[in-house]
Amino acid sequence: MARYEINYLDGNTDTVTAEGVEYDTEAGDYTFYADKQVVALAPVVNVRSIIRHEVAVIS
């Protein structure tokens, strides 16, 4: 899993924990997923950047 920091054009930020993110051209958003389930959506027109931070795995 990774932690994604989403920075929006209006200055707001969100943090999402997910396995990955994909750009959906039809919907016009970034789709974040974990365990093959959608966990968050971010509309492309409002996103400034998405930064991936690795989460350390403790065994």
N, C-alpha and C. Protein backbone atom coordinates (compact mmCIF):
# COMPACT_ATOMS: atom_id res chain seq x y z
N MET A 1 0.84 -1.18 0.00
CA MET A 1 0.00 0.00 0.00
C MET A 1 0.89 1.24 0.00
N ALA A 2 0.32 2.30 -0.48
CA ALA A 2 1.01 3.59 -0.50
C ALA A 2 0.04 4.66 -0.02
N ARG A 3 0.61 5.77 0.40
CA ARG A 3 -0.20 6.91 0.79
C ARG A 3 -0.04 7.96 -0.31
N TYR A 4 -1.14 8.44 -0.83
CA TYR A 4 -1.12 9.44 -1.89
C TYR A 4 -1.58 10.78 -1.33
N GLU A 5 -0.77 11.79 -1.55
CA GLU A 5 -1.13 13.15 -1.16
C GLU A 5 -1.66 13.84 -2.41
N ILE A 6 -2.92 14.25 -2.37
CA ILE A 6 -3.55 14.91 -3.52
C ILE A 6 -3.61 16.41 -3.21
N ASN A 7 -2.99 17.20 -4.08
CA ASN A 7 -2.99 18.66 -3.93
C ASN A 7 -3.92 19.24 -5.00
N TYR A 8 -4.89 20.02 -4.54
CA TYR A 8 -5.88 20.59 -5.44
C TYR A 8 -5.53 22.03 -5.81
N LEU A 9 -6.07 22.50 -6.91
CA LEU A 9 -5.81 23.85 -7.39
C LEU A 9 -6.28 24.93 -6.43
N ASP A 10 -7.29 24.62 -5.61
CA ASP A 10 -7.81 25.61 -4.66
C ASP A 10 -7.02 25.65 -3.35
N GLY A 11 -5.93 24.86 -3.26
CA GLY A 11 -5.08 24.87 -2.08
C GLY A 11 -5.38 23.78 -1.07
N ASN A 12 -6.48 23.07 -1.21
CA ASN A 12 -6.82 21.98 -0.31
C ASN A 12 -5.97 20.75 -0.63
N THR A 13 -5.85 19.87 0.35
CA THR A 13 -5.14 18.61 0.15
C THR A 13 -5.95 17.48 0.76
N ASP A 14 -5.76 16.29 0.25
CA ASP A 14 -6.35 15.06 0.77
C ASP A 14 -5.26 14.01 0.80
N THR A 15 -5.43 13.03 1.68
CA THR A 15 -4.53 11.89 1.72
C THR A 15 -5.36 10.63 1.57
N VAL A 16 -4.92 9.75 0.66
CA VAL A 16 -5.62 8.50 0.38
C VAL A 16 -4.62 7.36 0.51
N THR A 17 -5.01 6.29 1.20
CA THR A 17 -4.20 5.08 1.26
C THR A 17 -4.77 4.10 0.25
N ALA A 18 -3.95 3.68 -0.70
CA ALA A 18 -4.42 2.81 -1.77
C ALA A 18 -3.25 2.00 -2.34
N GLU A 19 -3.59 0.96 -3.08
CA GLU A 19 -2.56 0.16 -3.75
C GLU A 19 -2.07 0.85 -5.01
N GLY A 20 -2.94 1.61 -5.65
CA GLY A 20 -2.56 2.27 -6.88
C GLY A 20 -3.57 3.30 -7.31
N VAL A 21 -3.23 4.00 -8.39
CA VAL A 21 -4.10 5.03 -8.95
C VAL A 21 -4.04 4.91 -10.47
N GLU A 22 -5.17 5.12 -11.11
CA GLU A 22 -5.25 5.09 -12.57
C GLU A 22 -6.01 6.31 -13.05
N TYR A 23 -5.63 6.80 -14.22
CA TYR A 23 -6.34 7.90 -14.84
C TYR A 23 -7.45 7.32 -15.71
N ASP A 24 -8.69 7.71 -15.46
CA ASP A 24 -9.84 7.24 -16.22
C ASP A 24 -10.21 8.32 -17.24
N THR A 25 -9.87 8.09 -18.50
CA THR A 25 -10.11 9.10 -19.54
C THR A 25 -11.59 9.34 -19.78
N GLU A 26 -12.41 8.31 -19.67
CA GLU A 26 -13.85 8.47 -19.91
C GLU A 26 -14.51 9.29 -18.80
N ALA A 27 -14.15 9.03 -17.56
CA ALA A 27 -14.76 9.73 -16.43
C ALA A 27 -14.07 11.07 -16.15
N GLY A 28 -12.82 11.21 -16.59
CA GLY A 28 -12.07 12.44 -16.35
C GLY A 28 -11.63 12.57 -14.90
N ASP A 29 -11.26 11.44 -14.29
CA ASP A 29 -10.79 11.50 -12.92
C ASP A 29 -9.68 10.50 -12.66
N TYR A 30 -9.03 10.67 -11.51
CA TYR A 30 -8.05 9.71 -11.04
C TYR A 30 -8.79 8.76 -10.11
N THR A 31 -8.65 7.46 -10.34
CA THR A 31 -9.32 6.44 -9.54
C THR A 31 -8.29 5.74 -8.68
N PHE A 32 -8.47 5.80 -7.37
CA PHE A 32 -7.59 5.15 -6.42
C PHE A 32 -8.24 3.84 -6.00
N TYR A 33 -7.45 2.77 -5.93
CA TYR A 33 -8.03 1.46 -5.62
C TYR A 33 -7.19 0.69 -4.61
N ALA A 34 -7.89 -0.19 -3.88
CA ALA A 34 -7.26 -1.11 -2.92
C ALA A 34 -8.09 -2.38 -2.91
N ASP A 35 -7.44 -3.52 -2.94
CA ASP A 35 -8.13 -4.82 -2.98
C ASP A 35 -9.17 -4.88 -4.11
N LYS A 36 -8.79 -4.31 -5.27
CA LYS A 36 -9.63 -4.29 -6.47
C LYS A 36 -10.94 -3.52 -6.28
N GLN A 37 -10.99 -2.66 -5.27
CA GLN A 37 -12.16 -1.82 -5.00
C GLN A 37 -11.75 -0.34 -5.10
N VAL A 38 -12.66 0.48 -5.60
CA VAL A 38 -12.41 1.91 -5.67
C VAL A 38 -12.50 2.49 -4.26
N VAL A 39 -11.47 3.24 -3.85
CA VAL A 39 -11.49 3.85 -2.52
C VAL A 39 -11.60 5.37 -2.58
N ALA A 40 -11.30 5.97 -3.74
CA ALA A 40 -11.42 7.42 -3.88
C ALA A 40 -11.37 7.82 -5.34
N LEU A 41 -11.97 8.97 -5.63
CA LEU A 41 -11.94 9.57 -6.96
C LEU A 41 -11.49 11.02 -6.82
N ALA A 42 -10.69 11.50 -7.75
CA ALA A 42 -10.26 12.89 -7.75
C ALA A 42 -10.44 13.44 -9.16
N PRO A 43 -11.28 14.47 -9.33
CA PRO A 43 -11.52 15.02 -10.66
C PRO A 43 -10.27 15.70 -11.23
N VAL A 44 -9.93 15.38 -12.45
CA VAL A 44 -8.72 15.87 -13.11
C VAL A 44 -8.68 17.40 -13.15
N VAL A 45 -9.79 18.03 -13.39
CA VAL A 45 -9.81 19.49 -13.57
C VAL A 45 -9.44 20.25 -12.30
N ASN A 46 -9.47 19.60 -11.14
CA ASN A 46 -9.17 20.27 -9.88
C ASN A 46 -7.85 19.82 -9.25
N VAL A 47 -7.14 18.85 -9.87
CA VAL A 47 -5.93 18.30 -9.26
C VAL A 47 -4.69 19.04 -9.76
N ARG A 48 -3.89 19.51 -8.82
CA ARG A 48 -2.60 20.12 -9.17
C ARG A 48 -1.52 19.05 -9.24
N SER A 49 -1.48 18.17 -8.21
CA SER A 49 -0.47 17.11 -8.20
C SER A 49 -0.91 15.96 -7.30
N ILE A 50 -0.32 14.80 -7.57
CA ILE A 50 -0.51 13.63 -6.73
C ILE A 50 0.88 13.10 -6.40
N ILE A 51 1.16 13.01 -5.11
CA ILE A 51 2.48 12.57 -4.65
C ILE A 51 2.32 11.23 -3.93
N ARG A 52 3.09 10.25 -4.35
CA ARG A 52 3.04 8.92 -3.74
C ARG A 52 4.10 8.82 -2.65
N HIS A 53 3.66 8.40 -1.47
CA HIS A 53 4.55 8.16 -0.33
C HIS A 53 4.45 6.68 0.01
N GLU A 54 5.56 5.99 0.02
CA GLU A 54 5.56 4.57 0.38
C GLU A 54 5.26 4.39 1.86
N VAL A 55 4.48 3.38 2.18
CA VAL A 55 4.17 3.03 3.55
C VAL A 55 5.03 1.85 3.93
N ALA A 56 5.77 1.96 5.01
CA ALA A 56 6.66 0.89 5.46
C ALA A 56 5.85 -0.31 5.93
N VAL A 57 6.26 -1.49 5.52
CA VAL A 57 5.60 -2.72 5.93
C VAL A 57 6.38 -3.31 7.08
N ILE A 58 5.67 -3.54 8.19
CA ILE A 58 6.30 -4.12 9.38
C ILE A 58 5.87 -5.57 9.48
N SER A 59 6.84 -6.50 9.52
CA SER A 59 6.49 -7.91 9.60
C SER A 59 6.75 -8.46 10.98
